């Protein structure tokens, strides 16, 4: 089973300052046909609340209903690859306007020509 690009999923996200994890939302960035299904893994970005201290290229999510999140959130480019067996569920998917914003941030992140 693969996950489509821009799906918002619930995953066990480790805390960097302690030996624990908690279910958190994450955004699937990789393409399902090219990577996710063949690898059984997806490349993801952390989703966090807007109240946390900012990072460069934080990308606010404007359509919270589409992604199934209750409070102001943003995509943070703290990237990781996760085995699909660890995904706890799909919450929703980014609206087009938010997917376009994430695309623009990824182009800047990886210094890709637009």
C-alpha atoms as a PDB file:
ATOM      1  CA  UNK A   1       0.000   0.000   0.000  1.00  0.00           C
ATOM      2  CA  UNK A   2       1.308   3.422  -0.945  1.00  0.00           C
ATOM      3  CA  UNK A   3       0.379   6.953  -0.027  1.00  0.00           C
ATOM      4  CA  UNK A   4      -0.281   9.768  -2.470  1.00  0.00           C
ATOM      5  CA  UNK A   5       1.880  12.880  -2.477  1.00  0.00           C
ATOM      6  CA  UNK A   6       0.428  15.557  -0.153  1.00  0.00           C
ATOM      7  CA  UNK A   7      -1.497  13.073   1.972  1.00  0.00           C
ATOM      8  CA  UNK A   8      -1.481  14.001   5.645  1.00  0.00           C
ATOM      9  CA  UNK A   9      -0.869  10.907   7.742  1.00  0.00           C
ATOM     10  CA  UNK A  10      -0.561  10.121  11.436  1.00  0.00           C
ATOM     11  CA  UNK A  11       2.821   8.685  12.391  1.00  0.00           C
ATOM     12  CA  UNK A  12       4.847   7.954  15.540  1.00  0.00           C
ATOM     13  CA  UNK A  13       7.164  10.961  15.598  1.00  0.00           C
ATOM     14  CA  UNK A  14      10.227  10.693  17.851  1.00  0.00           C
ATOM     15  CA  UNK A  15      11.167  13.490  20.177  1.00  0.00           C
ATOM     16  CA  UNK A  16      14.770  14.555  19.618  1.00  0.00           C
ATOM     17  CA  UNK A  17      15.279  15.418  23.280  1.00  0.00           C
ATOM     18  CA  UNK A  18      13.996  12.191  24.877  1.00  0.00           C
ATOM     19  CA  UNK A  19      13.460   8.496  24.289  1.00  0.00           C
ATOM     20  CA  UNK A  20       9.779   8.601  23.404  1.00  0.00           C
ATOM     21  CA  UNK A  21       7.473   9.040  20.442  1.00  0.00           C
ATOM     22  CA  UNK A  22       3.970  10.391  19.998  1.00  0.00           C
ATOM     23  CA  UNK A  23       1.495  10.165  17.133  1.00  0.00           C
ATOM     24  CA  UNK A  24       1.801  13.330  15.057  1.00  0.00           C
ATOM     25  CA  UNK A  25       0.662  14.455  11.623  1.00  0.00           C
ATOM     26  CA  UNK A  26       3.155  14.340   8.763  1.00  0.00           C
ATOM     27  CA  UNK A  27       2.997  15.268   5.087  1.00  0.00           C
ATOM     28  CA  UNK A  28       3.899  12.765   2.366  1.00  0.00           C
ATOM     29  CA  UNK A  29       6.273  14.488  -0.086  1.00  0.00           C
ATOM     30  CA  UNK A  30       7.393  11.640  -2.342  1.00  0.00           C
ATOM     31  CA  UNK A  31       5.517  10.328  -5.378  1.00  0.00           C
ATOM     32  CA  UNK A  32       3.486   7.158  -4.921  1.00  0.00           C
ATOM     33  CA  UNK A  33       4.277   5.499  -8.267  1.00  0.00           C
ATOM     34  CA  UNK A  34       7.924   6.556  -8.457  1.00  0.00           C
ATOM     35  CA  UNK A  35       8.930   5.800  -4.870  1.00  0.00           C
ATOM     36  CA  UNK A  36       6.308   5.103  -2.198  1.00  0.00           C
ATOM     37  CA  UNK A  37       4.714   1.898  -3.491  1.00  0.00           C
ATOM     38  CA  UNK A  38       7.914   0.301  -4.873  1.00  0.00           C
ATOM     39  CA  UNK A  39       9.899   1.112  -1.717  1.00  0.00           C
ATOM     40  CA  UNK A  40       7.153   0.532   0.837  1.00  0.00           C
ATOM     41  CA  UNK A  41       8.330   3.788   2.401  1.00  0.00           C
ATOM     42  CA  UNK A  42       7.503   7.480   1.934  1.00  0.00           C
ATOM     43  CA  UNK A  43       9.540  10.652   2.352  1.00  0.00           C
ATOM     44  CA  UNK A  44       7.677  12.908   4.771  1.00  0.00           C
ATOM     45  CA  UNK A  45       7.834  16.285   6.437  1.00  0.00           C
ATOM     46  CA  UNK A  46       6.814  17.120   9.963  1.00  0.00           C
ATOM     47  CA  UNK A  47       3.589  19.052  10.578  1.00  0.00           C
ATOM     48  CA  UNK A  48       3.614  21.155  13.728  1.00  0.00           C
ATOM     49  CA  UNK A  49       1.500  23.827  15.350  1.00  0.00           C
ATOM     50  CA  UNK A  50       2.109  27.415  14.376  1.00  0.00           C
ATOM     51  CA  UNK A  51       2.861  28.219  18.029  1.00  0.00           C
ATOM     52  CA  UNK A  52       6.295  26.556  17.892  1.00  0.00           C
ATOM     53  CA  UNK A  53       9.409  28.679  17.202  1.00  0.00           C
ATOM     54  CA  UNK A  54       9.839  29.180  13.428  1.00  0.00           C
ATOM     55  CA  UNK A  55      12.255  27.434  11.097  1.00  0.00           C
ATOM     56  CA  UNK A  56      13.337  28.668   7.664  1.00  0.00           C
ATOM     57  CA  UNK A  57      10.781  27.769   4.971  1.00  0.00           C
ATOM     58  CA  UNK A  58       7.979  26.871   7.399  1.00  0.00           C
ATOM     59  CA  UNK A  59       4.880  26.630   5.208  1.00  0.00           C
ATOM     60  CA  UNK A  60       1.507  27.467   6.839  1.00  0.00           C
ATOM     61  CA  UNK A  61      -1.463  25.218   6.049  1.00  0.00           C
ATOM     62  CA  UNK A  62      -4.429  27.431   5.178  1.00  0.00           C
ATOM     63  CA  UNK A  63      -7.140  24.794   4.632  1.00  0.00           C
ATOM     64  CA  UNK A  64      -7.144  22.897   7.929  1.00  0.00           C
ATOM     65  CA  UNK A  65     -10.427  21.117   7.190  1.00  0.00           C
ATOM     66  CA  UNK A  66      -8.917  19.420   4.115  1.00  0.00           C
ATOM     67  CA  UNK A  67      -6.109  17.919   6.180  1.00  0.00           C
ATOM     68  CA  UNK A  68      -8.194  17.044   9.231  1.00  0.00           C
ATOM     69  CA  UNK A  69      -6.263  19.208  11.681  1.00  0.00           C
ATOM     70  CA  UNK A  70      -7.953  21.092  14.545  1.00  0.00           C
ATOM     71  CA  UNK A  71      -5.579  24.037  14.978  1.00  0.00           C
ATOM     72  CA  UNK A  72      -3.245  26.331  13.033  1.00  0.00           C
ATOM     73  CA  UNK A  73      -0.456  24.179  11.653  1.00  0.00           C
ATOM     74  CA  UNK A  74       2.461  24.355   9.279  1.00  0.00           C
ATOM     75  CA  UNK A  75       4.676  22.067   7.265  1.00  0.00           C
ATOM     76  CA  UNK A  76       8.180  22.044   8.694  1.00  0.00           C
ATOM     77  CA  UNK A  77      10.939  20.673   6.492  1.00  0.00           C
ATOM     78  CA  UNK A  78      12.213  18.266   9.119  1.00  0.00           C
ATOM     79  CA  UNK A  79      12.346  15.385   6.653  1.00  0.00           C
ATOM     80  CA  UNK A  80      12.385  11.650   7.205  1.00  0.00           C
ATOM     81  CA  UNK A  81      11.622   8.381   5.411  1.00  0.00           C
ATOM     82  CA  UNK A  82       9.123   6.077   7.080  1.00  0.00           C
ATOM     83  CA  UNK A  83       8.074   2.476   6.493  1.00  0.00           C
ATOM     84  CA  UNK A  84       4.384   2.341   5.558  1.00  0.00           C
ATOM     85  CA  UNK A  85       3.758  -0.278   8.241  1.00  0.00           C
ATOM     86  CA  UNK A  86       4.312   2.463  10.841  1.00  0.00           C
ATOM     87  CA  UNK A  87       1.675   4.837   9.424  1.00  0.00           C
ATOM     88  CA  UNK A  88      -1.289   4.923  11.821  1.00  0.00           C
ATOM     89  CA  UNK A  89      -3.832   6.418   9.398  1.00  0.00           C
ATOM     90  CA  UNK A  90      -4.625   9.061   6.797  1.00  0.00           C
ATOM     91  CA  UNK A  91      -6.068  12.332   8.101  1.00  0.00           C
ATOM     92  CA  UNK A  92      -6.644  14.101   4.775  1.00  0.00           C
ATOM     93  CA  UNK A  93      -4.751  15.779   1.937  1.00  0.00           C
ATOM     94  CA  UNK A  94      -3.471  19.272   1.237  1.00  0.00           C
ATOM     95  CA  UNK A  95      -5.749  21.604  -0.688  1.00  0.00           C
ATOM     96  CA  UNK A  96      -4.321  22.764  -4.024  1.00  0.00           C
ATOM     97  CA  UNK A  97      -3.331  26.176  -2.659  1.00  0.00           C
ATOM     98  CA  UNK A  98      -1.366  24.541   0.172  1.00  0.00           C
ATOM     99  CA  UNK A  99       0.224  21.942  -2.138  1.00  0.00           C
ATOM    100  CA  UNK A 100       1.394  24.768  -4.415  1.00  0.00           C
ATOM    101  CA  UNK A 101       2.923  26.588  -1.439  1.00  0.00           C
ATOM    102  CA  UNK A 102       4.739  23.426  -0.286  1.00  0.00           C
ATOM    103  CA  UNK A 103       6.038  22.891  -3.841  1.00  0.00           C
ATOM    104  CA  UNK A 104       7.438  26.425  -3.890  1.00  0.00           C
ATOM    105  CA  UNK A 105       9.147  25.861  -0.529  1.00  0.00           C
ATOM    106  CA  UNK A 106      10.649  22.547  -1.702  1.00  0.00           C
ATOM    107  CA  UNK A 107      12.084  24.247  -4.787  1.00  0.00           C
ATOM    108  CA  UNK A 108      13.784  26.766  -2.508  1.00  0.00           C
ATOM    109  CA  UNK A 109      14.877  24.096  -0.015  1.00  0.00           C
ATOM    110  CA  UNK A 110      16.694  22.053  -2.644  1.00  0.00           C
ATOM    111  CA  UNK A 111      17.736  25.086  -4.743  1.00  0.00           C
ATOM    112  CA  UNK A 112      15.929  23.673  -7.778  1.00  0.00           C
ATOM    113  CA  UNK A 113      15.326  25.922 -10.768  1.00  0.00           C
ATOM    114  CA  UNK A 114      11.647  26.784 -11.074  1.00  0.00           C
END
